């Protein structure tokens, strides 16, 4: 509930309250809370780590947000498919190292990936995150691999593109 309240506040500050609804619910139990085919867009940041890998945060709310203790990738994908309208879109960010788990989970749920963009902390660093854009489709679309997003330059400051995305650039 605390994180949902924070999300609702961000929606309000962004001036999107008329278009965005924040629902506090277990995504595995949305039946009766949200009709099927209700959403044009699902945006998510599913837990990055599988259960049993690493030590969970002692704060239960943070542990659930970071580790698949309550929700697995397959749960997210199934819920997204159920609540998306036909051809509805989804966007998510995940750990780049789990791309091999993520893509099959989305495909198994009937979600087609349209575009991937790897996010690198610095030019010489391996990708840390992956941005995924897709749709609820009957057959997968051609996959487009976007140019990488590099967050920091040699000086440690945000790159011009990252700064623009964060509202810090011109």
Protein backbone atom coordinates (compact mmCIF):
# COMPACT_ATOMS: atom_id res chain seq x y z
CA UNK A 1 0.00 0.00 0.00
CA UNK A 2 2.81 2.45 0.74
CA UNK A 3 4.33 1.97 -2.71
CA UNK A 4 0.92 2.24 -4.39
CA UNK A 5 0.35 5.54 -2.55
CA UNK A 6 3.74 6.76 -3.79
CA UNK A 7 2.84 5.73 -7.35
CA UNK A 8 -0.53 7.52 -7.08
CA UNK A 9 1.23 10.66 -5.85
CA UNK A 10 3.65 10.51 -8.81
CA UNK A 11 0.72 10.11 -11.22
CA UNK A 12 -0.92 13.16 -9.65
CA UNK A 13 2.28 15.23 -9.84
CA UNK A 14 2.68 14.24 -13.50
CA UNK A 15 -0.83 15.52 -14.24
CA UNK A 16 -1.96 12.09 -15.41
CA UNK A 17 -4.61 11.31 -12.78
CA UNK A 18 -7.41 11.45 -15.38
CA UNK A 19 -5.68 8.76 -17.48
CA UNK A 20 -3.90 6.55 -14.93
CA UNK A 21 -5.36 4.45 -12.14
CA UNK A 22 -3.16 2.96 -9.44
CA UNK A 23 -4.66 -0.22 -8.02
CA UNK A 24 -3.42 -1.80 -4.80
CA UNK A 25 -3.83 -5.52 -5.40
CA UNK A 26 -2.06 -8.83 -5.77
CA UNK A 27 -1.64 -9.20 -9.53
CA UNK A 28 -2.19 -12.95 -9.20
CA UNK A 29 -5.69 -12.26 -7.86
CA UNK A 30 -7.09 -9.55 -10.12
CA UNK A 31 -10.23 -11.42 -11.13
CA UNK A 32 -13.14 -9.44 -9.74
CA UNK A 33 -10.91 -6.43 -9.07
CA UNK A 34 -10.14 -5.51 -12.66
CA UNK A 35 -11.99 -6.74 -15.74
CA UNK A 36 -10.21 -8.69 -18.45
CA UNK A 37 -9.16 -6.57 -21.43
CA UNK A 38 -9.36 -3.40 -19.29
CA UNK A 39 -5.99 -1.77 -19.99
CA UNK A 40 -4.42 -0.07 -22.97
CA UNK A 41 -0.98 -0.13 -21.33
CA UNK A 42 0.68 -2.10 -18.53
CA UNK A 43 3.93 -0.69 -17.12
CA UNK A 44 5.96 -2.80 -14.72
CA UNK A 45 9.22 -3.22 -12.90
CA UNK A 46 8.95 -6.89 -11.83
CA UNK A 47 11.32 -8.23 -9.16
CA UNK A 48 14.77 -8.71 -10.68
CA UNK A 49 16.06 -11.66 -8.69
CA UNK A 50 14.63 -15.18 -8.53
CA UNK A 51 13.84 -16.54 -5.07
CA UNK A 52 16.79 -18.21 -3.40
CA UNK A 53 19.40 -16.05 -5.10
CA UNK A 54 21.18 -13.59 -2.84
CA UNK A 55 20.00 -12.36 0.53
CA UNK A 56 16.60 -10.63 0.58
CA UNK A 57 16.30 -7.16 2.08
CA UNK A 58 15.20 -7.34 5.75
CA UNK A 59 12.37 -4.89 4.95
CA UNK A 60 9.56 -7.20 3.70
CA UNK A 61 8.20 -4.57 1.29
CA UNK A 62 11.60 -4.09 -0.33
CA UNK A 63 12.28 -7.83 -0.36
CA UNK A 64 9.04 -8.49 -2.26
CA UNK A 65 9.84 -5.67 -4.70
CA UNK A 66 13.32 -7.01 -5.46
CA UNK A 67 13.05 -10.81 -5.21
CA UNK A 68 10.45 -13.16 -6.71
CA UNK A 69 9.10 -14.09 -3.28
CA UNK A 70 5.43 -13.34 -4.04
CA UNK A 71 5.37 -12.88 -7.81
CA UNK A 72 7.36 -14.61 -10.56
CA UNK A 73 7.93 -13.40 -14.12
CA UNK A 74 5.31 -15.87 -15.35
CA UNK A 75 2.77 -14.38 -12.88
CA UNK A 76 3.43 -10.87 -14.17
CA UNK A 77 3.18 -11.97 -17.81
CA UNK A 78 -0.08 -13.87 -17.25
CA UNK A 79 -1.65 -10.93 -15.41
CA UNK A 80 -0.51 -8.46 -18.07
CA UNK A 81 -1.99 -10.63 -20.82
CA UNK A 82 -5.29 -10.96 -18.96
CA UNK A 83 -5.81 -7.24 -18.31
CA UNK A 84 -4.48 -5.91 -21.62
CA UNK A 85 -6.91 -5.15 -24.40
CA UNK A 86 -6.20 -7.03 -27.65
CA UNK A 87 -3.12 -5.36 -29.15
CA UNK A 88 -2.67 -3.49 -25.83
CA UNK A 89 0.91 -2.56 -25.00
CA UNK A 90 3.22 -3.36 -22.13
CA UNK A 91 6.49 -1.76 -21.11
CA UNK A 92 8.86 -3.03 -18.49
CA UNK A 93 12.35 -2.75 -17.13
CA UNK A 94 14.25 -5.77 -15.90
CA UNK A 95 17.70 -7.11 -15.11
CA UNK A 96 19.55 -7.60 -18.41
CA UNK A 97 21.15 -10.79 -17.08
CA UNK A 98 17.65 -12.34 -16.88
CA UNK A 99 16.73 -11.72 -20.51
CA UNK A 100 16.88 -15.50 -21.08
CA UNK A 101 14.14 -15.95 -18.45
CA UNK A 102 12.11 -12.88 -19.40
CA UNK A 103 11.53 -13.46 -23.12
CA UNK A 104 10.21 -17.05 -22.77
CA UNK A 105 7.91 -15.99 -19.90
CA UNK A 106 6.40 -13.22 -22.02
CA UNK A 107 6.01 -15.47 -25.07
CA UNK A 108 4.40 -18.25 -23.02
CA UNK A 109 1.78 -15.74 -21.81
CA UNK A 110 0.98 -14.55 -25.34
CA UNK A 111 2.87 -11.27 -25.15
CA UNK A 112 4.90 -10.33 -28.22
CA UNK A 113 8.07 -8.30 -27.76
CA UNK A 114 8.44 -5.48 -30.29
CA UNK A 115 11.56 -3.71 -29.05
CA UNK A 116 14.45 -4.21 -26.65
CA UNK A 117 16.93 -1.64 -25.44
CA UNK A 118 19.87 -2.54 -23.26
CA UNK A 119 20.84 -0.01 -20.58
CA UNK A 120 24.54 0.31 -19.74
CA UNK A 121 25.82 2.23 -16.70
CA UNK A 122 28.86 3.37 -18.77
CA UNK A 123 30.04 2.74 -22.32
CA UNK A 124 32.55 0.06 -21.31
CA UNK A 125 30.24 -1.69 -18.82
CA UNK A 126 28.01 -4.65 -19.52
CA UNK A 127 24.29 -3.97 -19.75
CA UNK A 128 22.65 -3.77 -16.33
CA UNK A 129 19.01 -3.41 -17.39
CA UNK A 130 16.80 -4.08 -20.37
CA UNK A 131 13.82 -2.00 -21.46
CA UNK A 132 11.11 -4.06 -23.18
CA UNK A 133 8.17 -2.85 -25.23
CA UNK A 134 5.55 -5.22 -26.57
CA UNK A 135 1.91 -6.02 -27.22
CA UNK A 136 -0.72 -8.62 -26.50
CA UNK A 137 -0.76 -10.36 -29.87
CA UNK A 138 -1.69 -13.60 -31.53
CA UNK A 139 1.69 -13.86 -33.23
CA UNK A 140 4.95 -12.19 -32.30
CA UNK A 141 5.99 -9.06 -34.17
CA UNK A 142 9.45 -8.64 -35.68
CA UNK A 143 11.87 -7.86 -32.85
CA UNK A 144 13.64 -4.50 -33.05
CA UNK A 145 16.86 -4.10 -31.06
CA UNK A 146 17.29 -0.42 -30.26
CA UNK A 147 20.68 1.26 -29.82
CA UNK A 148 21.97 0.96 -26.25
CA UNK A 149 21.20 3.58 -23.66
CA UNK A 150 24.35 4.64 -21.81
CA UNK A 151 23.62 6.38 -18.51
CA UNK A 152 26.95 7.94 -17.50
CA UNK A 153 29.91 9.44 -19.32
CA UNK A 154 33.58 9.21 -18.32
CA UNK A 155 33.10 12.11 -15.91
CA UNK A 156 30.33 10.23 -14.04
CA UNK A 157 27.65 12.72 -15.11
CA UNK A 158 24.55 11.58 -16.96
CA UNK A 159 24.95 11.38 -20.73
CA UNK A 160 22.92 14.02 -22.61
CA UNK A 161 20.28 11.40 -23.56
CA UNK A 162 19.91 10.11 -19.99
CA UNK A 163 19.75 13.69 -18.65
CA UNK A 164 16.96 14.51 -21.14
CA UNK A 165 15.03 11.41 -20.09
CA UNK A 166 15.31 12.48 -16.47
CA UNK A 167 14.20 16.01 -17.28
CA UNK A 168 17.64 17.42 -16.55
CA UNK A 169 18.71 18.26 -20.09
CA UNK A 170 17.59 20.67 -22.75
